[in-house]
Amino acid sequence: MEKTELEKRLEAEAAAEAAKKAEAQETVPEESQRDLSAELDAVKAERDQLRDQFLRSRAEFENFRKRKARDEEQFRLRAAKNLVLDLLPVLDHLELAMQHARDESGGLVEGVAMVVKQFREVLARHGVEPVPAAGIAFDPSLHDAVMQREDPSVPNHTVLEEVQRGYMMGGQLIRPARVVVSVGGPPRETTTEQTRTCAEPETTEVTTERIGDESNTELD
């Protein structure tokens, strides 16, 4: 029995509707996948941004911590340096007393000698060391020339005498050594760099003034 025209049309419409439904079912997963991919990309971008912010914040905090530690260390060194500079004149006077009493003996002299020895040991434990002076070439970065003395037996610009001891703390100069420098001797054999640093020393006053002492002592 042949289908009527109406039945054929209904079947065609049903087939078309079924095809549309099938196509829609195939399209939905593709759109969902694109949406999920876009969301994943957005999450990855946000993750990278947060990670970058975290790393930057951590680096800034580390720099802050190091800067704070450095500032604290510099403050500690400045405080220690100021204390040492206040104490050095006391040691100067004790050493001067020992020089005047070198030919004497007795309990008082021995006691002062022990105090001087302990004083130097305490300074050494805190990184305070005397500046090399007598017998070496004059170094303007370490020495302060207070006088020039004729001495042909040694090369020019040799430190002949230490008038006041200089000190370094932690490898840095905190007080230059006040010295007497030789002239009139043979030229000193130096490298180009040494020639620059061992230039003609400029002398300051011929008298030496002890810090914290109002009296002056004339040089010999």
N, C-alpha and C. Protein backbone atom coordinates (compact mmCIF):
# COMPACT_ATOMS: atom_id res chain seq x y z
N MET A 1 0.85 -1.18 0.00
CA MET A 1 0.00 0.00 0.00
C MET A 1 0.90 1.24 0.00
N GLU A 2 0.67 2.06 -0.95
CA GLU A 2 1.49 3.26 -1.09
C GLU A 2 1.10 4.29 -0.05
N LYS A 3 2.17 5.03 0.42
CA LYS A 3 1.93 6.07 1.41
C LYS A 3 1.32 7.28 0.73
N THR A 4 0.47 7.88 1.48
CA THR A 4 -0.17 9.07 0.94
C THR A 4 0.82 10.22 0.97
N GLU A 5 0.48 11.24 0.30
CA GLU A 5 1.33 12.43 0.24
C GLU A 5 1.53 13.03 1.62
N LEU A 6 0.51 12.96 2.44
CA LEU A 6 0.58 13.52 3.79
C LEU A 6 1.54 12.72 4.67
N GLU A 7 1.49 11.38 4.53
CA GLU A 7 2.37 10.52 5.33
C GLU A 7 3.84 10.74 4.95
N LYS A 8 4.05 10.89 3.66
CA LYS A 8 5.42 11.12 3.21
C LYS A 8 5.97 12.45 3.78
N ARG A 9 5.12 13.46 3.78
CA ARG A 9 5.54 14.76 4.27
C ARG A 9 5.82 14.71 5.77
N LEU A 10 4.96 13.97 6.51
CA LEU A 10 5.15 13.86 7.95
C LEU A 10 6.45 13.11 8.27
N GLU A 11 6.70 12.04 7.51
CA GLU A 11 7.93 11.29 7.72
C GLU A 11 9.17 12.15 7.43
N ALA A 12 9.10 12.98 6.39
CA ALA A 12 10.23 13.86 6.04
C ALA A 12 10.47 14.89 7.14
N GLU A 13 9.36 15.43 7.66
CA GLU A 13 9.50 16.41 8.74
C GLU A 13 10.08 15.76 9.99
N ALA A 14 9.67 14.52 10.29
CA ALA A 14 10.18 13.82 11.46
C ALA A 14 11.66 13.52 11.30
N ALA A 15 12.04 13.12 10.06
CA ALA A 15 13.45 12.83 9.81
C ALA A 15 14.30 14.09 9.95
N ALA A 16 13.77 15.21 9.44
CA ALA A 16 14.50 16.48 9.54
C ALA A 16 14.66 16.91 11.01
N GLU A 17 13.61 16.72 11.76
CA GLU A 17 13.66 17.08 13.18
C GLU A 17 14.68 16.21 13.92
N ALA A 18 14.69 14.91 13.57
CA ALA A 18 15.65 14.02 14.21
C ALA A 18 17.08 14.39 13.85
N ALA A 19 17.28 14.80 12.59
CA ALA A 19 18.62 15.22 12.16
C ALA A 19 19.07 16.48 12.92
N LYS A 20 18.14 17.41 13.11
CA LYS A 20 18.47 18.62 13.86
C LYS A 20 18.88 18.30 15.30
N LYS A 21 18.09 17.37 15.90
CA LYS A 21 18.41 16.99 17.28
C LYS A 21 19.79 16.33 17.36
N ALA A 22 20.09 15.48 16.40
CA ALA A 22 21.39 14.81 16.40
C ALA A 22 22.52 15.81 16.22
N GLU A 23 22.32 16.78 15.33
CA GLU A 23 23.34 17.80 15.11
C GLU A 23 23.55 18.66 16.37
N ALA A 24 22.41 18.98 17.04
CA ALA A 24 22.50 19.77 18.27
C ALA A 24 23.26 19.01 19.35
N GLN A 25 23.01 17.69 19.43
CA GLN A 25 23.71 16.89 20.43
C GLN A 25 25.21 16.83 20.16
N GLU A 26 25.61 16.85 18.87
CA GLU A 26 27.02 16.85 18.54
C GLU A 26 27.68 18.22 18.79
N THR A 27 26.94 19.32 18.63
CA THR A 27 27.48 20.68 18.77
C THR A 27 27.69 21.06 20.23
N VAL A 28 26.82 20.65 21.13
CA VAL A 28 26.90 21.03 22.54
C VAL A 28 28.22 20.62 23.18
N PRO A 29 28.71 19.41 23.00
CA PRO A 29 30.00 19.05 23.61
C PRO A 29 31.16 19.90 23.09
N GLU A 30 31.17 20.27 21.83
CA GLU A 30 32.24 21.10 21.28
C GLU A 30 32.23 22.48 21.92
N GLU A 31 31.06 23.07 22.11
CA GLU A 31 30.97 24.38 22.74
C GLU A 31 31.40 24.30 24.20
N SER A 32 30.97 23.22 24.88
CA SER A 32 31.35 23.04 26.27
C SER A 32 32.87 22.88 26.40
N GLN A 33 33.47 22.16 25.47
CA GLN A 33 34.91 21.97 25.51
C GLN A 33 35.65 23.28 25.30
N ARG A 34 35.13 24.11 24.38
CA ARG A 34 35.76 25.41 24.17
C ARG A 34 35.64 26.28 25.42
N ASP A 35 34.47 26.22 26.08
CA ASP A 35 34.29 27.00 27.30
C ASP A 35 35.23 26.53 28.41
N LEU A 36 35.35 25.20 28.54
CA LEU A 36 36.25 24.66 29.55
C LEU A 36 37.71 25.03 29.27
N SER A 37 38.09 25.01 28.00
CA SER A 37 39.46 25.37 27.63
C SER A 37 39.73 26.83 27.94
N ALA A 38 38.75 27.68 27.67
CA ALA A 38 38.92 29.11 27.97
C ALA A 38 39.04 29.33 29.48
N GLU A 39 38.19 28.63 30.24
CA GLU A 39 38.26 28.76 31.70
C GLU A 39 39.61 28.26 32.23
N LEU A 40 40.12 27.17 31.67
CA LEU A 40 41.41 26.63 32.10
C LEU A 40 42.53 27.62 31.81
N ASP A 41 42.48 28.23 30.62
CA ASP A 41 43.49 29.23 30.28
C ASP A 41 43.44 30.40 31.25
N ALA A 42 42.24 30.82 31.62
CA ALA A 42 42.09 31.93 32.56
C ALA A 42 42.65 31.57 33.94
N VAL A 43 42.39 30.32 34.36
CA VAL A 43 42.91 29.87 35.66
C VAL A 43 44.43 29.81 35.63
N LYS A 44 45.00 29.31 34.52
CA LYS A 44 46.46 29.25 34.41
C LYS A 44 47.06 30.65 34.44
N ALA A 45 46.44 31.60 33.75
CA ALA A 45 46.95 32.97 33.75
C ALA A 45 46.91 33.58 35.15
N GLU A 46 45.81 33.31 35.86
CA GLU A 46 45.70 33.82 37.23
C GLU A 46 46.74 33.16 38.13
N ARG A 47 46.95 31.85 37.93
CA ARG A 47 47.97 31.15 38.72
C ARG A 47 49.36 31.76 38.48
N ASP A 48 49.70 32.00 37.21
CA ASP A 48 51.00 32.58 36.89
C ASP A 48 51.15 33.98 37.49
N GLN A 49 50.08 34.75 37.46
CA GLN A 49 50.12 36.09 38.03
C GLN A 49 50.34 36.04 39.54
N LEU A 50 49.61 35.15 40.21
CA LEU A 50 49.76 35.01 41.66
C LEU A 50 51.15 34.50 42.02
N ARG A 51 51.67 33.57 41.22
CA ARG A 51 53.01 33.05 41.47
C ARG A 51 54.05 34.15 41.31
N ASP A 52 53.89 34.99 40.27
CA ASP A 52 54.81 36.09 40.06
C ASP A 52 54.75 37.09 41.22
N GLN A 53 53.55 37.38 41.70
CA GLN A 53 53.40 38.28 42.84
C GLN A 53 54.04 37.69 44.09
N PHE A 54 53.87 36.38 44.28
CA PHE A 54 54.47 35.73 45.44
C PHE A 54 55.99 35.80 45.40
N LEU A 55 56.56 35.49 44.22
CA LEU A 55 58.01 35.52 44.10
C LEU A 55 58.55 36.94 44.29
N ARG A 56 57.84 37.92 43.75
CA ARG A 56 58.28 39.31 43.92
C ARG A 56 58.22 39.73 45.38
N SER A 57 57.13 39.34 46.05
CA SER A 57 56.98 39.69 47.46
C SER A 57 58.06 39.01 48.30
N ARG A 58 58.35 37.75 47.98
CA ARG A 58 59.38 37.04 48.73
C ARG A 58 60.75 37.68 48.52
N ALA A 59 61.04 38.11 47.26
CA ALA A 59 62.33 38.77 46.99
C ALA A 59 62.42 40.11 47.72
N GLU A 60 61.32 40.86 47.72
CA GLU A 60 61.32 42.14 48.43
C GLU A 60 61.52 41.94 49.93
N PHE A 61 60.88 40.91 50.49
CA PHE A 61 61.05 40.65 51.92
C PHE A 61 62.48 40.22 52.22
N GLU A 62 63.08 39.42 51.35
CA GLU A 62 64.46 38.98 51.56
C GLU A 62 65.41 40.17 51.50
N ASN A 63 65.17 41.07 50.53
CA ASN A 63 66.00 42.27 50.44
C ASN A 63 65.82 43.15 51.68
N PHE A 64 64.59 43.25 52.16
CA PHE A 64 64.33 44.03 53.37
C PHE A 64 65.05 43.42 54.57
N ARG A 65 65.00 42.09 54.67
CA ARG A 65 65.65 41.42 55.79
C ARG A 65 67.16 41.65 55.76
N LYS A 66 67.76 41.54 54.56
CA LYS A 66 69.19 41.75 54.45
C LYS A 66 69.56 43.20 54.74
N ARG A 67 68.74 44.13 54.22
CA ARG A 67 69.03 45.54 54.46
C ARG A 67 68.92 45.88 55.95
N LYS A 68 67.92 45.30 56.60
CA LYS A 68 67.74 45.54 58.04
C LYS A 68 68.92 44.99 58.83
N ALA A 69 69.36 43.76 58.46
CA ALA A 69 70.51 43.17 59.15
C ALA A 69 71.77 43.99 58.91
N ARG A 70 71.94 44.49 57.68
CA ARG A 70 73.11 45.32 57.38
C ARG A 70 73.08 46.63 58.16
N ASP A 71 71.90 47.25 58.23
CA ASP A 71 71.78 48.50 58.98
C ASP A 71 72.05 48.28 60.47
N GLU A 72 71.56 47.17 61.00
CA GLU A 72 71.81 46.86 62.41
C GLU A 72 73.30 46.63 62.66
N GLU A 73 73.96 45.94 61.73
CA GLU A 73 75.40 45.69 61.89
C GLU A 73 76.19 46.99 61.80
N GLN A 74 75.80 47.87 60.88
CA GLN A 74 76.49 49.16 60.76
C GLN A 74 76.27 50.01 62.01
N PHE A 75 75.05 49.96 62.55
CA PHE A 75 74.78 50.71 63.78
C PHE A 75 75.63 50.17 64.92
N ARG A 76 75.73 48.82 65.01
CA ARG A 76 76.53 48.21 66.07
C ARG A 76 77.99 48.60 65.93
N LEU A 77 78.49 48.58 64.68
CA LEU A 77 79.89 48.93 64.47
C LEU A 77 80.15 50.40 64.77
N ARG A 78 79.20 51.27 64.41
CA ARG A 78 79.38 52.70 64.73
C ARG A 78 79.41 52.92 66.23
N ALA A 79 78.51 52.24 66.94
CA ALA A 79 78.48 52.38 68.40
C ALA A 79 79.78 51.85 69.01
N ALA A 80 80.24 50.70 68.52
CA ALA A 80 81.49 50.13 69.04
C ALA A 80 82.67 51.03 68.71
N LYS A 81 82.67 51.58 67.51
CA LYS A 81 83.77 52.47 67.10
C LYS A 81 83.83 53.70 67.99
N ASN A 82 82.66 54.30 68.26
CA ASN A 82 82.64 55.48 69.11
C ASN A 82 83.14 55.16 70.52
N LEU A 83 82.75 53.98 71.02
CA LEU A 83 83.22 53.58 72.35
C LEU A 83 84.73 53.39 72.36
N VAL A 84 85.25 52.72 71.33
CA VAL A 84 86.69 52.48 71.26
C VAL A 84 87.45 53.80 71.16
N LEU A 85 86.94 54.73 70.35
CA LEU A 85 87.61 56.03 70.22
C LEU A 85 87.63 56.79 71.54
N ASP A 86 86.60 56.58 72.36
CA ASP A 86 86.59 57.21 73.68
C ASP A 86 87.57 56.54 74.64
N LEU A 87 87.83 55.25 74.42
CA LEU A 87 88.72 54.51 75.32
C LEU A 87 90.19 54.62 74.93
N LEU A 88 90.47 54.86 73.65
CA LEU A 88 91.87 54.89 73.21
C LEU A 88 92.71 55.94 73.93
N PRO A 89 92.20 57.15 74.20
CA PRO A 89 93.04 58.09 74.95
C PRO A 89 93.44 57.57 76.32
N VAL A 90 92.59 56.78 76.95
CA VAL A 90 92.94 56.19 78.25
C VAL A 90 94.13 55.26 78.07
N LEU A 91 94.10 54.44 77.03
CA LEU A 91 95.23 53.55 76.75
C LEU A 91 96.47 54.35 76.40
N ASP A 92 96.29 55.45 75.65
CA ASP A 92 97.44 56.31 75.33
C ASP A 92 98.15 56.79 76.59
N HIS A 93 97.38 57.25 77.54
CA HIS A 93 97.97 57.79 78.76
C HIS A 93 98.62 56.69 79.61
N LEU A 94 98.01 55.50 79.62
CA LEU A 94 98.62 54.39 80.34
C LEU A 94 99.95 54.01 79.71
N GLU A 95 100.00 53.96 78.38
CA GLU A 95 101.25 53.63 77.69
C GLU A 95 102.30 54.72 77.91
N LEU A 96 101.85 55.98 77.93
CA LEU A 96 102.77 57.08 78.19
C LEU A 96 103.34 56.97 79.61
N ALA A 97 102.48 56.59 80.56
CA ALA A 97 102.96 56.41 81.93
C ALA A 97 103.98 55.29 82.01
N MET A 98 103.75 54.22 81.23
CA MET A 98 104.71 53.11 81.22
C MET A 98 106.05 53.55 80.63
N GLN A 99 106.03 54.42 79.61
CA GLN A 99 107.28 54.91 79.03
C GLN A 99 108.07 55.73 80.04
N HIS A 100 107.38 56.56 80.80
CA HIS A 100 108.07 57.38 81.79
C HIS A 100 108.59 56.54 82.95
N ALA A 101 107.95 55.39 83.20
CA ALA A 101 108.33 54.57 84.36
C ALA A 101 109.09 53.33 83.95
N ARG A 102 109.65 53.32 82.72
CA ARG A 102 110.31 52.09 82.25
C ARG A 102 111.56 51.75 83.06
N ASP A 103 112.22 52.75 83.62
CA ASP A 103 113.43 52.50 84.41
C ASP A 103 113.12 52.27 85.88
N GLU A 104 111.86 52.28 86.22
CA GLU A 104 111.48 52.09 87.62
C GLU A 104 110.89 50.69 87.80
N SER A 105 110.80 50.27 89.02
CA SER A 105 110.21 48.97 89.34
C SER A 105 109.33 49.13 90.56
N GLY A 106 108.50 48.14 90.78
CA GLY A 106 107.61 48.21 91.94
C GLY A 106 106.24 47.71 91.57
N GLY A 107 105.42 47.55 92.58
CA GLY A 107 104.09 47.00 92.36
C GLY A 107 103.21 47.89 91.50
N LEU A 108 103.33 49.20 91.68
CA LEU A 108 102.50 50.12 90.90
C LEU A 108 102.80 50.02 89.41
N VAL A 109 104.10 50.00 89.07
CA VAL A 109 104.50 49.90 87.66
C VAL A 109 104.03 48.58 87.07
N GLU A 110 104.20 47.49 87.81
CA GLU A 110 103.75 46.19 87.32
C GLU A 110 102.23 46.16 87.16
N GLY A 111 101.53 46.82 88.08
CA GLY A 111 100.07 46.86 87.97
C GLY A 111 99.61 47.62 86.74
N VAL A 112 100.27 48.75 86.46
CA VAL A 112 99.92 49.52 85.25
C VAL A 112 100.23 48.70 84.00
N ALA A 113 101.34 47.98 84.02
CA ALA A 113 101.71 47.14 82.87
C ALA A 113 100.67 46.06 82.63
N MET A 114 100.16 45.47 83.69
CA MET A 114 99.12 44.45 83.55
C MET A 114 97.84 45.04 82.99
N VAL A 115 97.49 46.27 83.44
CA VAL A 115 96.29 46.93 82.93
C VAL A 115 96.43 47.21 81.43
N VAL A 116 97.60 47.68 81.03
CA VAL A 116 97.84 47.96 79.60
C VAL A 116 97.72 46.67 78.80
N LYS A 117 98.31 45.59 79.30
CA LYS A 117 98.25 44.30 78.60
C LYS A 117 96.81 43.82 78.46
N GLN A 118 96.03 43.90 79.53
CA GLN A 118 94.63 43.47 79.47
C GLN A 118 93.82 44.38 78.55
N PHE A 119 94.13 45.66 78.59
CA PHE A 119 93.44 46.63 77.72
C PHE A 119 93.64 46.22 76.26
N ARG A 120 94.88 45.95 75.88
CA ARG A 120 95.17 45.57 74.50
C ARG A 120 94.50 44.26 74.13
N GLU A 121 94.46 43.30 75.04
CA GLU A 121 93.82 42.02 74.76
C GLU A 121 92.32 42.18 74.54
N VAL A 122 91.69 43.03 75.34
CA VAL A 122 90.26 43.27 75.17
C VAL A 122 89.99 43.91 73.81
N LEU A 123 90.79 44.89 73.44
CA LEU A 123 90.62 45.53 72.13
C LEU A 123 90.80 44.52 71.01
N ALA A 124 91.80 43.65 71.14
CA ALA A 124 92.06 42.65 70.10
C ALA A 124 90.89 41.69 69.95
N ARG A 125 90.26 41.32 71.06
CA ARG A 125 89.10 40.41 70.99
C ARG A 125 87.94 41.03 70.23
N HIS A 126 87.89 42.34 70.21
CA HIS A 126 86.81 43.04 69.51
C HIS A 126 87.26 43.57 68.14
N GLY A 127 88.33 42.99 67.62
CA GLY A 127 88.76 43.33 66.27
C GLY A 127 89.53 44.62 66.13
N VAL A 128 90.04 45.16 67.24
CA VAL A 128 90.81 46.40 67.21
C VAL A 128 92.29 46.06 67.22
N GLU A 129 93.00 46.43 66.16
CA GLU A 129 94.42 46.12 66.03
C GLU A 129 95.21 47.38 65.76
N PRO A 130 96.46 47.47 66.26
CA PRO A 130 97.28 48.65 65.99
C PRO A 130 97.70 48.72 64.53
N VAL A 131 97.90 49.93 64.05
CA VAL A 131 98.34 50.15 62.67
C VAL A 131 99.86 49.97 62.60
N PRO A 132 100.39 49.19 61.66
CA PRO A 132 101.84 49.08 61.51
C PRO A 132 102.45 50.45 61.24
N ALA A 133 103.58 50.74 61.83
CA ALA A 133 104.13 52.09 61.68
C ALA A 133 105.65 52.06 61.57
N ALA A 134 106.35 52.02 62.69
CA ALA A 134 107.81 52.21 62.71
C ALA A 134 108.53 51.21 61.81
N GLY A 135 109.40 51.76 60.94
CA GLY A 135 110.24 50.93 60.10
C GLY A 135 109.67 50.61 58.74
N ILE A 136 108.44 50.97 58.47
CA ILE A 136 107.84 50.67 57.18
C ILE A 136 107.69 51.96 56.38
N ALA A 137 107.33 51.83 55.10
CA ALA A 137 107.15 53.00 54.25
C ALA A 137 105.93 53.81 54.69
N PHE A 138 106.04 55.12 54.61
CA PHE A 138 104.93 55.99 54.96
C PHE A 138 103.76 55.71 54.03
N ASP A 139 102.57 55.52 54.61
CA ASP A 139 101.35 55.26 53.86
C ASP A 139 100.30 56.29 54.28
N PRO A 140 99.96 57.23 53.42
CA PRO A 140 99.01 58.28 53.81
C PRO A 140 97.63 57.77 54.16
N SER A 141 97.32 56.55 53.76
CA SER A 141 96.01 56.00 54.11
C SER A 141 95.99 55.44 55.53
N LEU A 142 97.21 55.29 56.14
CA LEU A 142 97.31 54.75 57.50
C LEU A 142 98.01 55.69 58.47
N HIS A 143 98.86 56.58 57.92
CA HIS A 143 99.72 57.38 58.76
C HIS A 143 99.42 58.88 58.59
N ASP A 144 99.67 59.60 59.66
CA ASP A 144 99.57 61.06 59.66
C ASP A 144 100.94 61.60 60.06
N ALA A 145 101.65 62.22 59.10
CA ALA A 145 103.01 62.70 59.35
C ALA A 145 102.96 64.00 60.15
N VAL A 146 103.57 63.99 61.33
CA VAL A 146 103.61 65.18 62.16
C VAL A 146 104.97 65.87 62.10
N MET A 147 105.97 65.17 61.54
CA MET A 147 107.31 65.76 61.44
C MET A 147 108.12 64.98 60.41
N GLN A 148 109.08 65.68 59.77
CA GLN A 148 110.07 65.04 58.92
C GLN A 148 111.44 65.19 59.57
N ARG A 149 112.22 64.11 59.51
CA ARG A 149 113.54 64.13 60.16
C ARG A 149 114.60 63.63 59.19
N GLU A 150 115.72 64.34 59.13
CA GLU A 150 116.82 63.95 58.26
C GLU A 150 117.44 62.66 58.77
N ASP A 151 117.52 61.65 57.88
CA ASP A 151 118.14 60.38 58.25
C ASP A 151 118.60 59.68 56.96
N PRO A 152 119.89 59.83 56.61
CA PRO A 152 120.39 59.23 55.36
C PRO A 152 120.56 57.72 55.43
N SER A 153 120.36 57.13 56.61
CA SER A 153 120.61 55.68 56.75
C SER A 153 119.42 54.84 56.30
N VAL A 154 118.28 55.46 56.07
CA VAL A 154 117.10 54.70 55.64
C VAL A 154 116.52 55.36 54.40
N PRO A 155 115.76 54.60 53.60
CA PRO A 155 115.14 55.19 52.41
C PRO A 155 114.20 56.33 52.77
N ASN A 156 114.03 57.22 51.81
CA ASN A 156 113.09 58.33 52.01
C ASN A 156 111.70 57.82 52.37
N HIS A 157 111.01 58.63 53.16
CA HIS A 157 109.62 58.37 53.53
C HIS A 157 109.46 57.07 54.32
N THR A 158 110.46 56.78 55.14
CA THR A 158 110.35 55.67 56.08
C THR A 158 109.85 56.21 57.42
N VAL A 159 108.95 55.48 58.04
CA VAL A 159 108.45 55.89 59.35
C VAL A 159 109.55 55.63 60.38
N LEU A 160 110.06 56.71 60.96
CA LEU A 160 111.14 56.59 61.94
C LEU A 160 110.62 56.40 63.35
N GLU A 161 109.51 57.04 63.64
CA GLU A 161 109.02 57.03 65.02
C GLU A 161 107.50 57.13 65.01
N GLU A 162 106.91 56.44 65.94
CA GLU A 162 105.46 56.50 66.12
C GLU A 162 105.16 57.41 67.31
N VAL A 163 104.56 58.56 67.02
CA VAL A 163 104.24 59.52 68.08
C VAL A 163 102.96 59.12 68.80
N GLN A 164 102.00 58.71 68.03
CA GLN A 164 100.74 58.22 68.63
C GLN A 164 100.27 57.02 67.82
N ARG A 165 99.97 55.94 68.50
CA ARG A 165 99.60 54.70 67.83
C ARG A 165 98.25 54.84 67.13
N GLY A 166 98.19 54.30 65.92
CA GLY A 166 96.92 54.26 65.19
C GLY A 166 96.26 52.90 65.34
N TYR A 167 94.97 52.85 65.04
CA TYR A 167 94.23 51.61 65.23
C TYR A 167 93.26 51.38 64.07
N MET A 168 93.05 50.08 63.80
CA MET A 168 92.06 49.65 62.83
C MET A 168 91.05 48.77 63.55
N MET A 169 89.82 48.81 63.05
CA MET A 169 88.76 47.99 63.64
C MET A 169 87.98 47.31 62.53
N GLY A 170 87.99 45.98 62.55
CA GLY A 170 87.29 45.25 61.50
C GLY A 170 87.85 45.53 60.13
N GLY A 171 89.15 45.79 60.04
CA GLY A 171 89.77 46.06 58.75
C GLY A 171 89.64 47.49 58.28
N GLN A 172 89.01 48.36 59.07
CA GLN A 172 88.84 49.76 58.69
C GLN A 172 89.60 50.66 59.67
N LEU A 173 90.21 51.69 59.12
CA LEU A 173 90.98 52.61 59.94
C LEU A 173 90.04 53.46 60.78
N ILE A 174 90.28 53.48 62.10
CA ILE A 174 89.48 54.35 62.97
C ILE A 174 90.31 55.49 63.54
N ARG A 175 91.66 55.34 63.52
CA ARG A 175 92.53 56.43 63.93
C ARG A 175 93.89 56.23 63.27
N PRO A 176 94.36 57.20 62.48
CA PRO A 176 95.68 57.03 61.84
C PRO A 176 96.80 57.15 62.86
N ALA A 177 97.91 56.51 62.55
CA ALA A 177 99.09 56.62 63.40
C ALA A 177 99.79 57.94 63.10
N ARG A 178 100.14 58.68 64.13
CA ARG A 178 100.86 59.94 63.97
C ARG A 178 102.35 59.61 64.06
N VAL A 179 103.08 59.96 62.99
CA VAL A 179 104.44 59.45 62.84
C VAL A 179 105.43 60.54 62.43
N VAL A 180 106.71 60.21 62.62
CA VAL A 180 107.83 61.02 62.12
C VAL A 180 108.39 60.30 60.91
N VAL A 181 108.59 61.03 59.81
CA VAL A 181 108.98 60.43 58.53
C VAL A 181 110.38 60.88 58.15
N SER A 182 111.14 59.97 57.55
CA SER A 182 112.53 60.27 57.18
C SER A 182 112.60 61.02 55.85
N VAL A 183 113.63 61.88 55.74
CA VAL A 183 113.98 62.54 54.49
C VAL A 183 115.50 62.52 54.38
N GLY A 184 116.00 62.78 53.15
CA GLY A 184 117.45 62.86 52.96
C GLY A 184 118.13 61.53 52.78
N GLY A 185 117.40 60.45 52.68
CA GLY A 185 118.00 59.14 52.49
C GLY A 185 117.94 58.71 51.03
N PRO A 186 118.36 57.51 50.73
CA PRO A 186 118.30 57.02 49.34
C PRO A 186 116.85 56.86 48.89
N PRO A 187 116.61 56.94 47.58
CA PRO A 187 115.24 56.76 47.07
C PRO A 187 114.72 55.37 47.42
N ARG A 188 113.44 55.29 47.68
CA ARG A 188 112.81 54.02 47.99
C ARG A 188 112.41 53.34 46.69
N GLU A 189 112.79 52.07 46.56
CA GLU A 189 112.39 51.31 45.38
C GLU A 189 110.94 50.91 45.53
N THR A 190 110.12 51.44 44.64
CA THR A 190 108.68 51.19 44.73
C THR A 190 108.12 50.91 43.36
N THR A 191 106.93 50.30 43.36
CA THR A 191 106.18 50.13 42.13
C THR A 191 105.46 51.44 41.83
N THR A 192 104.80 51.49 40.68
CA THR A 192 104.06 52.70 40.31
C THR A 192 102.99 53.00 41.34
N GLU A 193 102.28 51.97 41.81
CA GLU A 193 101.22 52.17 42.80
C GLU A 193 101.80 52.65 44.12
N GLN A 194 102.94 52.08 44.53
CA GLN A 194 103.56 52.49 45.77
C GLN A 194 104.08 53.91 45.67
N THR A 195 104.57 54.29 44.48
CA THR A 195 105.04 55.65 44.30
C THR A 195 103.93 56.64 44.50
N ARG A 196 102.72 56.26 44.03
CA ARG A 196 101.58 57.15 44.19
C ARG A 196 101.19 57.30 45.65
N THR A 197 101.17 56.17 46.39
CA THR A 197 100.73 56.23 47.79
C THR A 197 101.82 56.73 48.72
N CYS A 198 103.09 56.64 48.31
CA CYS A 198 104.20 57.10 49.15
C CYS A 198 104.72 58.44 48.68
N ALA A 199 103.83 59.29 48.23
CA ALA A 199 104.22 60.62 47.79
C ALA A 199 104.72 61.42 48.98
N GLU A 200 105.28 62.59 48.67
CA GLU A 200 105.81 63.45 49.73
C GLU A 200 104.77 63.68 50.80
N PRO A 201 105.02 63.25 52.03
CA PRO A 201 104.00 63.38 53.07
C PRO A 201 103.85 64.82 53.51
N GLU A 202 102.60 65.21 53.73
CA GLU A 202 102.32 66.52 54.28
C GLU A 202 102.33 66.42 55.79
N THR A 203 103.13 67.24 56.42
CA THR A 203 103.23 67.19 57.87
C THR A 203 102.22 68.11 58.51
N THR A 204 101.71 67.67 59.64
CA THR A 204 100.82 68.52 60.42
C THR A 204 101.64 69.21 61.49
N GLU A 205 101.04 69.56 62.61
CA GLU A 205 101.76 70.26 63.66
C GLU A 205 102.90 69.40 64.20
N VAL A 206 103.96 70.06 64.66
CA VAL A 206 105.11 69.36 65.20
C VAL A 206 104.80 68.80 66.58
N THR A 207 103.83 69.36 67.27
CA THR A 207 103.46 68.85 68.59
C THR A 207 102.33 67.86 68.44
N THR A 208 102.25 66.94 69.36
CA THR A 208 101.18 65.96 69.34
C THR A 208 100.21 66.27 70.45
N GLU A 209 98.93 66.12 70.13
CA GLU A 209 97.89 66.40 71.12
C GLU A 209 97.14 65.12 71.41
N ARG A 210 97.15 64.70 72.65
CA ARG A 210 96.43 63.50 73.05
C ARG A 210 94.95 63.83 73.15
N ILE A 211 94.13 62.96 72.59
CA ILE A 211 92.70 63.18 72.66
C ILE A 211 92.26 63.13 74.11
N GLY A 212 91.52 64.13 74.51
CA GLY A 212 91.03 64.17 75.87
C GLY A 212 92.04 64.74 76.83
N ASP A 213 93.21 65.24 76.32
CA ASP A 213 94.22 65.82 77.19
C ASP A 213 94.49 67.22 76.71
N GLU A 214 94.43 68.19 77.58
CA GLU A 214 94.61 69.57 77.19
C GLU A 214 96.07 69.94 77.02
N SER A 215 96.99 69.11 77.53
CA SER A 215 98.41 69.42 77.43
C SER A 215 99.00 68.86 76.16
N ASN A 216 100.03 69.51 75.62
CA ASN A 216 100.73 69.08 74.42
C ASN A 216 102.13 68.64 74.80
N THR A 217 102.65 67.67 74.05
CA THR A 217 103.99 67.16 74.31
C THR A 217 104.86 67.46 73.11
N GLU A 218 105.99 68.14 73.29
CA GLU A 218 106.85 68.48 72.17
C GLU A 218 107.60 67.23 71.73
N LEU A 219 107.81 67.18 70.40
CA LEU A 219 108.60 66.08 69.86
C LEU A 219 110.07 66.36 70.11
N ASP A 220 110.83 65.26 70.19
CA ASP A 220 112.28 65.42 70.33
C ASP A 220 112.85 65.97 69.04
